[in-house]
Amino acid sequence: MHATIYGGARAPATAVAERKRVKPRKSIFDHFMDGLKESRFAEARRVIEKHNHLVAPDNLGDDGAASEGRNDETLSDRT
């Protein structure tokens, strides 16, 4: 029997493995989107820090009402 090879000689396995390890380069659009995301996160951090005094603290007291949330029953018990 004869072995027929179409498409020429095969590349050595090491060359194929080397090719798979190389990361594809980012396009200009990917770089733009990364920069846009980074700038929006920075802006969000600045706004949160600027208005941090308006955010309620995590724990208001020993009863843990701030973290668990209050419903009408707990409010009526306190009044």
Protein backbone atom coordinates (compact mmCIF):
# COMPACT_ATOMS: atom_id res chain seq x y z
CA MET A 1 0.00 0.00 0.00
CA HIS A 2 1.09 3.50 -0.67
CA ALA A 3 0.54 6.41 1.68
CA THR A 4 -0.62 9.55 -0.06
CA ILE A 5 -0.05 12.92 1.64
CA TYR A 6 -1.98 15.91 0.40
CA GLY A 7 -0.94 19.46 1.20
CA GLY A 8 2.79 18.91 1.62
CA ALA A 9 4.78 17.96 4.68
CA ARG A 10 3.32 18.36 8.13
CA ALA A 11 4.77 20.83 10.61
CA PRO A 12 6.64 19.33 13.56
CA ALA A 13 4.62 19.02 16.75
CA THR A 14 6.87 21.52 18.55
CA ALA A 15 6.11 24.24 15.98
CA VAL A 16 2.38 23.70 16.42
CA ALA A 17 2.74 23.84 20.22
CA GLU A 18 4.78 27.07 19.97
CA ARG A 19 2.10 28.65 17.79
CA LYS A 20 -0.65 27.83 20.30
CA ARG A 21 1.21 29.42 23.23
CA VAL A 22 1.43 32.85 21.63
CA LYS A 23 -1.40 35.19 22.67
CA PRO A 24 -3.21 36.90 19.84
CA ARG A 25 -2.64 40.65 19.75
CA LYS A 26 -5.43 42.95 20.86
CA SER A 27 -7.09 45.05 18.24
CA ILE A 28 -7.31 48.82 18.55
CA PHE A 29 -11.00 48.43 19.42
CA ASP A 30 -10.10 46.11 22.34
CA HIS A 31 -7.58 48.67 23.63
CA PHE A 32 -10.18 51.43 23.30
CA MET A 33 -12.82 49.43 25.20
CA ASP A 34 -10.35 48.56 27.98
CA GLY A 35 -9.48 52.23 28.38
CA LEU A 36 -13.15 53.21 28.37
CA LYS A 37 -14.00 50.65 31.06
CA GLU A 38 -11.08 51.75 33.20
CA SER A 39 -12.03 55.42 32.95
CA ARG A 40 -15.70 54.72 33.79
CA PHE A 41 -14.71 52.65 36.85
CA ALA A 42 -12.43 55.46 38.01
CA GLU A 43 -15.24 58.00 37.56
CA ALA A 44 -17.65 55.76 39.51
CA ARG A 45 -15.14 55.44 42.34
CA ARG A 46 -14.73 59.24 42.46
CA VAL A 47 -18.50 59.82 42.58
CA ILE A 48 -19.00 57.22 45.32
CA GLU A 49 -16.17 58.72 47.36
CA LYS A 50 -17.55 62.24 46.85
CA HIS A 51 -21.03 61.24 48.07
CA ASN A 52 -19.94 58.68 50.64
CA HIS A 53 -21.43 60.76 53.46
CA LEU A 54 -24.91 60.03 52.05
CA VAL A 55 -24.52 56.25 52.21
CA ALA A 56 -25.93 54.57 55.32
CA PRO A 57 -23.44 52.73 57.53
CA ASP A 58 -23.53 48.94 57.54
CA ASN A 59 -24.53 48.55 61.19
CA LEU A 60 -26.70 51.11 62.93
CA GLY A 61 -27.02 49.31 66.24
CA ASP A 62 -26.92 46.04 68.10
CA ASP A 63 -30.21 44.76 66.68
CA GLY A 64 -28.82 44.45 63.14
CA ALA A 65 -31.85 46.14 61.58
CA ALA A 66 -29.73 47.88 58.94
CA SER A 67 -28.23 44.69 57.57
CA GLU A 68 -31.40 42.58 57.75
CA GLY A 69 -33.82 45.22 56.55
CA ARG A 70 -36.92 46.40 58.31
CA ASN A 71 -40.48 45.50 57.61
CA ASP A 72 -43.72 46.94 58.95
CA GLU A 73 -43.86 44.54 61.90
CA THR A 74 -40.51 45.62 63.33
CA LEU A 75 -41.35 49.30 62.86
CA SER A 76 -44.71 48.94 64.62
CA ASP A 77 -43.05 47.21 67.59
CA ARG A 78 -40.72 50.15 68.16
CA THR A 79 -43.34 52.91 68.11
